[in-house]
């Protein structure tokens, strides 16, 4: 059930026409105009006539002296009309103020109804837009699922079969031991080469100093490009236990013959016979 709009409480605004107002009060003095203006503002604020009670009117108009009481009586007789409520309560009514209050209330109600209709239309459009967005998201999700299923089926059909992986050295040893027949000696194990020892030992020594495996292999490779692997292996063995094996290897190799060079032959000095 919608909440009914009630028009109670102070009136937030009212129409004031300076030409009409000054035409009505142009003959009043400052004291008379102040009393009349105060009473008129109270009339608009409360949206009801003024009480026909002398003491209450004096308090509302802030009339404190006998002279102001006389001015108040004159203002009431000139601008207000004595009337009575349905219950018999006597009141002072201002016809122009009653008309302006009624116009303001009707205008406020029409604006409030127009704002309510506008808000209802906006909310309806918002709900419709949200519904359309949800339907679009659902359609997009279904399309993505369909496309994903189609692609997965196509990939599974075109994907090559996995190739058999080469057996590791331990698996090869186990396979050889399983195939070994009684009375037949097993085949000899592969003999490690100089190159294998050079790379394995070099990486082990360099990584022990905090160097990464990739950088260690790169450094060993650069040495093997300049010197043969047997010479590099001797340098690696000589650097074991040193504070900086990397620098020691290079210093140890500096006076060694490089690839393609012949070892230098030291000339023996000739000693003359005595």
Foldseek 3Di string as FASTA:
>chain_A
DDDDDDPAAFDPDWDDDVVVVCVLCVPPDPLLVLLLVQLLNVCRGHVHFAAPDLVRSCVSSVPDDPVSSVSSVVSQVRAWDWDADPVGGIGTHGVVSNVRSVVVVVVVVVVVVVVVVVVVVVVVVVVVVVVVVVVVVVVVVVVVVVVVVVVVVVCVVPPDDDDDDDDDPVVVVVVQVVPDDPPDDGDDDDDDDLQVLLLVLQLVQVVVLVDDSVVSNVLSVVQCVWAPSNLLNVLSVVLPPPPDSSVSSVVSCPQPHTPPDDHDDDDDDDDDDD
